[in-house]
Amino acid sequence: MDKFIAFNKLLLLGFWLVFIVNVFMPFEGAMDQWVMLIGIAMLSVHLIEFVVMRKQLRSRGHSGLMNFARVMLFGLLYWKPLLRG
């Protein structure tokens, strides 16, 4: 399971890299719009995840700025193992 989570985190990092590149140097055609829409949707979902899970993360000592950044990058893949362990 740890390899699955690590692989998915790498995929998400790759997507966020594509998203950031697209912000500064937009891609041609419809790919620009799709990357932006998916990125904004994922940012929104991860922000909602953080707001909903913040109290539980804080109770486990994970409420700092770095934890916020990790939830925004990885979402469920970051906070679920923290609460399980």
N, C-alpha and C. Protein backbone atom coordinates (compact mmCIF):
# COMPACT_ATOMS: atom_id res chain seq x y z
N MET A 1 0.82 -1.19 0.00
CA MET A 1 0.00 0.00 0.00
C MET A 1 0.86 1.26 0.00
N ASP A 2 2.01 1.19 0.69
CA ASP A 2 2.89 2.35 0.73
C ASP A 2 3.44 2.70 -0.65
N LYS A 3 3.71 1.67 -1.47
CA LYS A 3 4.19 1.92 -2.83
C LYS A 3 3.10 2.56 -3.67
N PHE A 4 1.86 2.15 -3.46
CA PHE A 4 0.73 2.73 -4.18
C PHE A 4 0.60 4.21 -3.85
N ILE A 5 0.68 4.54 -2.58
CA ILE A 5 0.57 5.94 -2.15
C ILE A 5 1.74 6.75 -2.69
N ALA A 6 2.94 6.20 -2.61
CA ALA A 6 4.13 6.91 -3.12
C ALA A 6 4.03 7.14 -4.62
N PHE A 7 3.57 6.15 -5.36
CA PHE A 7 3.40 6.30 -6.81
C PHE A 7 2.38 7.39 -7.14
N ASN A 8 1.27 7.39 -6.42
CA ASN A 8 0.24 8.40 -6.66
C ASN A 8 0.71 9.80 -6.26
N LYS A 9 1.52 9.89 -5.23
CA LYS A 9 2.09 11.19 -4.86
C LYS A 9 3.00 11.71 -5.96
N LEU A 10 3.78 10.83 -6.56
CA LEU A 10 4.64 11.23 -7.68
C LEU A 10 3.80 11.70 -8.86
N LEU A 11 2.71 11.00 -9.14
CA LEU A 11 1.81 11.42 -10.23
C LEU A 11 1.23 12.80 -9.94
N LEU A 12 0.82 13.03 -8.70
CA LEU A 12 0.27 14.34 -8.34
C LEU A 12 1.32 15.43 -8.45
N LEU A 13 2.54 15.16 -8.02
CA LEU A 13 3.61 16.15 -8.16
C LEU A 13 3.84 16.47 -9.63
N GLY A 14 3.80 15.45 -10.47
CA GLY A 14 3.93 15.68 -11.91
C GLY A 14 2.81 16.54 -12.45
N PHE A 15 1.58 16.28 -12.00
CA PHE A 15 0.47 17.11 -12.45
C PHE A 15 0.64 18.55 -12.00
N TRP A 16 1.03 18.75 -10.73
CA TRP A 16 1.19 20.12 -10.24
C TRP A 16 2.31 20.85 -10.98
N LEU A 17 3.35 20.12 -11.38
CA LEU A 17 4.41 20.72 -12.19
C LEU A 17 3.85 21.17 -13.55
N VAL A 18 3.05 20.32 -14.18
CA VAL A 18 2.40 20.68 -15.45
C VAL A 18 1.48 21.88 -15.25
N PHE A 19 0.75 21.90 -14.15
CA PHE A 19 -0.17 22.99 -13.86
C PHE A 19 0.59 24.32 -13.72
N ILE A 20 1.69 24.31 -12.97
CA ILE A 20 2.48 25.53 -12.77
C ILE A 20 3.09 26.00 -14.09
N VAL A 21 3.61 25.07 -14.87
CA VAL A 21 4.16 25.45 -16.18
C VAL A 21 3.06 26.06 -17.04
N ASN A 22 1.87 25.48 -16.99
CA ASN A 22 0.75 25.97 -17.79
C ASN A 22 0.32 27.38 -17.36
N VAL A 23 0.47 27.70 -16.09
CA VAL A 23 0.10 29.03 -15.61
C VAL A 23 1.02 30.09 -16.24
N PHE A 24 2.31 29.79 -16.32
CA PHE A 24 3.27 30.78 -16.81
C PHE A 24 3.49 30.72 -18.32
N MET A 25 3.34 29.53 -18.90
CA MET A 25 3.50 29.37 -20.35
C MET A 25 2.36 28.49 -20.85
N PRO A 26 1.19 29.08 -21.11
CA PRO A 26 0.01 28.28 -21.47
C PRO A 26 0.27 27.37 -22.68
N PHE A 27 -0.29 26.16 -22.56
CA PHE A 27 -0.18 25.19 -23.64
C PHE A 27 -1.07 25.61 -24.79
N GLU A 28 -0.88 24.98 -25.93
CA GLU A 28 -1.66 25.28 -27.12
C GLU A 28 -3.00 24.54 -27.07
N GLY A 29 -4.00 25.15 -27.64
CA GLY A 29 -5.29 24.49 -27.83
C GLY A 29 -6.06 24.27 -26.54
N ALA A 30 -6.84 23.19 -26.56
CA ALA A 30 -7.75 22.90 -25.45
C ALA A 30 -7.01 22.36 -24.22
N MET A 31 -5.79 21.89 -24.39
CA MET A 31 -5.06 21.34 -23.25
C MET A 31 -4.86 22.39 -22.16
N ASP A 32 -4.65 23.63 -22.56
CA ASP A 32 -4.50 24.73 -21.61
C ASP A 32 -5.72 24.82 -20.69
N GLN A 33 -6.88 24.80 -21.27
CA GLN A 33 -8.12 24.94 -20.49
C GLN A 33 -8.35 23.73 -19.60
N TRP A 34 -8.10 22.52 -20.12
CA TRP A 34 -8.32 21.32 -19.33
C TRP A 34 -7.39 21.27 -18.12
N VAL A 35 -6.13 21.58 -18.32
CA VAL A 35 -5.17 21.56 -17.21
C VAL A 35 -5.59 22.58 -16.15
N MET A 36 -5.99 23.77 -16.60
CA MET A 36 -6.41 24.80 -15.64
C MET A 36 -7.67 24.39 -14.89
N LEU A 37 -8.65 23.86 -15.58
CA LEU A 37 -9.90 23.45 -14.93
C LEU A 37 -9.68 22.33 -13.92
N ILE A 38 -8.91 21.34 -14.32
CA ILE A 38 -8.62 20.23 -13.40
C ILE A 38 -7.81 20.72 -12.21
N GLY A 39 -6.82 21.57 -12.45
CA GLY A 39 -6.00 22.10 -11.36
C GLY A 39 -6.80 22.93 -10.37
N ILE A 40 -7.66 23.79 -10.88
CA ILE A 40 -8.50 24.61 -9.98
C ILE A 40 -9.48 23.74 -9.22
N ALA A 41 -10.04 22.73 -9.88
CA ALA A 41 -10.96 21.82 -9.19
C ALA A 41 -10.22 21.06 -8.08
N MET A 42 -9.01 20.58 -8.37
CA MET A 42 -8.25 19.85 -7.36
C MET A 42 -7.85 20.76 -6.19
N LEU A 43 -7.46 21.99 -6.49
CA LEU A 43 -7.15 22.93 -5.41
C LEU A 43 -8.37 23.17 -4.53
N SER A 44 -9.52 23.31 -5.14
CA SER A 44 -10.76 23.53 -4.38
C SER A 44 -11.08 22.33 -3.49
N VAL A 45 -10.99 21.14 -4.06
CA VAL A 45 -11.28 19.92 -3.29
C VAL A 45 -10.29 19.77 -2.13
N HIS A 46 -9.02 20.02 -2.39
CA HIS A 46 -8.02 19.88 -1.33
C HIS A 46 -8.20 20.94 -0.25
N LEU A 47 -8.62 22.12 -0.62
CA LEU A 47 -8.90 23.15 0.38
C LEU A 47 -10.08 22.74 1.26
N ILE A 48 -11.11 22.21 0.65
CA ILE A 48 -12.26 21.72 1.43
C ILE A 48 -11.82 20.57 2.34
N GLU A 49 -10.98 19.67 1.83
CA GLU A 49 -10.46 18.58 2.66
C GLU A 49 -9.74 19.13 3.88
N PHE A 50 -8.89 20.12 3.68
CA PHE A 50 -8.15 20.68 4.80
C PHE A 50 -9.07 21.31 5.82
N VAL A 51 -10.05 22.06 5.36
CA VAL A 51 -10.99 22.71 6.28
C VAL A 51 -11.75 21.66 7.09
N VAL A 52 -12.20 20.60 6.43
CA VAL A 52 -12.97 19.56 7.11
C VAL A 52 -12.10 18.76 8.08
N MET A 53 -10.86 18.47 7.70
CA MET A 53 -10.01 17.60 8.50
C MET A 53 -9.08 18.36 9.45
N ARG A 54 -9.14 19.68 9.45
CA ARG A 54 -8.19 20.48 10.23
C ARG A 54 -8.21 20.16 11.72
N LYS A 55 -9.39 20.00 12.28
CA LYS A 55 -9.49 19.72 13.72
C LYS A 55 -8.82 18.39 14.07
N GLN A 56 -9.04 17.37 13.25
CA GLN A 56 -8.42 16.07 13.52
C GLN A 56 -6.91 16.13 13.31
N LEU A 57 -6.47 16.85 12.28
CA LEU A 57 -5.03 16.99 12.06
C LEU A 57 -4.38 17.75 13.22
N ARG A 58 -5.04 18.80 13.69
CA ARG A 58 -4.50 19.58 14.80
C ARG A 58 -4.40 18.73 16.06
N SER A 59 -5.39 17.87 16.30
CA SER A 59 -5.36 17.03 17.50
C SER A 59 -4.19 16.03 17.46
N ARG A 60 -3.69 15.72 16.28
CA ARG A 60 -2.54 14.82 16.13
C ARG A 60 -1.23 15.59 15.95
N GLY A 61 -1.29 16.93 16.05
CA GLY A 61 -0.08 17.75 15.94
C GLY A 61 0.35 18.05 14.52
N HIS A 62 -0.59 18.07 13.58
CA HIS A 62 -0.28 18.30 12.17
C HIS A 62 -1.09 19.47 11.62
N SER A 63 -0.94 20.65 12.20
CA SER A 63 -1.76 21.78 11.74
C SER A 63 -0.93 22.96 11.25
N GLY A 64 0.35 22.76 11.02
CA GLY A 64 1.22 23.86 10.60
C GLY A 64 1.10 24.18 9.11
N LEU A 65 1.89 25.13 8.69
CA LEU A 65 1.89 25.58 7.30
C LEU A 65 2.35 24.48 6.34
N MET A 66 3.36 23.71 6.75
CA MET A 66 3.84 22.62 5.89
C MET A 66 2.76 21.55 5.71
N ASN A 67 2.00 21.30 6.76
CA ASN A 67 0.92 20.32 6.65
C ASN A 67 -0.18 20.84 5.73
N PHE A 68 -0.45 22.13 5.78
CA PHE A 68 -1.42 22.72 4.86
C PHE A 68 -0.94 22.55 3.42
N ALA A 69 0.33 22.84 3.19
CA ALA A 69 0.89 22.71 1.83
C ALA A 69 0.82 21.27 1.35
N ARG A 70 1.09 20.33 2.23
CA ARG A 70 1.04 18.91 1.83
C ARG A 70 -0.38 18.46 1.55
N VAL A 71 -1.34 18.94 2.32
CA VAL A 71 -2.74 18.61 2.02
C VAL A 71 -3.14 19.23 0.69
N MET A 72 -2.69 20.44 0.41
CA MET A 72 -3.02 21.07 -0.87
C MET A 72 -2.37 20.33 -2.04
N LEU A 73 -1.20 19.75 -1.84
CA LEU A 73 -0.53 19.00 -2.90
C LEU A 73 -1.09 17.59 -3.06
N PHE A 74 -1.26 16.89 -1.95
CA PHE A 74 -1.56 15.46 -2.01
C PHE A 74 -2.96 15.09 -1.52
N GLY A 75 -3.62 15.98 -0.80
CA GLY A 75 -4.97 15.71 -0.32
C GLY A 75 -5.06 14.47 0.55
N LEU A 76 -5.97 13.60 0.20
CA LEU A 76 -6.25 12.38 0.95
C LEU A 76 -5.01 11.50 1.11
N LEU A 77 -4.15 11.50 0.13
CA LEU A 77 -2.95 10.66 0.19
C LEU A 77 -2.02 11.10 1.32
N TYR A 78 -2.13 12.35 1.76
CA TYR A 78 -1.30 12.83 2.86
C TYR A 78 -1.97 12.62 4.22
N TRP A 79 -3.20 13.08 4.37
CA TRP A 79 -3.79 13.08 5.70
C TRP A 79 -4.38 11.74 6.14
N LYS A 80 -4.80 10.90 5.24
CA LYS A 80 -5.41 9.61 5.63
C LYS A 80 -4.42 8.74 6.39
N PRO A 81 -3.17 8.54 5.90
CA PRO A 81 -2.23 7.73 6.68
C PRO A 81 -1.88 8.35 8.04
N LEU A 82 -1.90 9.68 8.14
CA LEU A 82 -1.60 10.32 9.43
C LEU A 82 -2.67 10.00 10.47
N LEU A 83 -3.91 9.99 10.06
CA LEU A 83 -4.99 9.74 11.00
C LEU A 83 -5.15 8.25 11.30
N ARG A 84 -4.71 7.43 10.39
CA ARG A 84 -4.81 5.98 10.60
C ARG A 84 -3.77 5.49 11.60
N GLY A 85 -2.58 6.13 11.56
CA GLY A 85 -1.46 5.65 12.38
C GLY A 85 -1.42 6.13 13.74
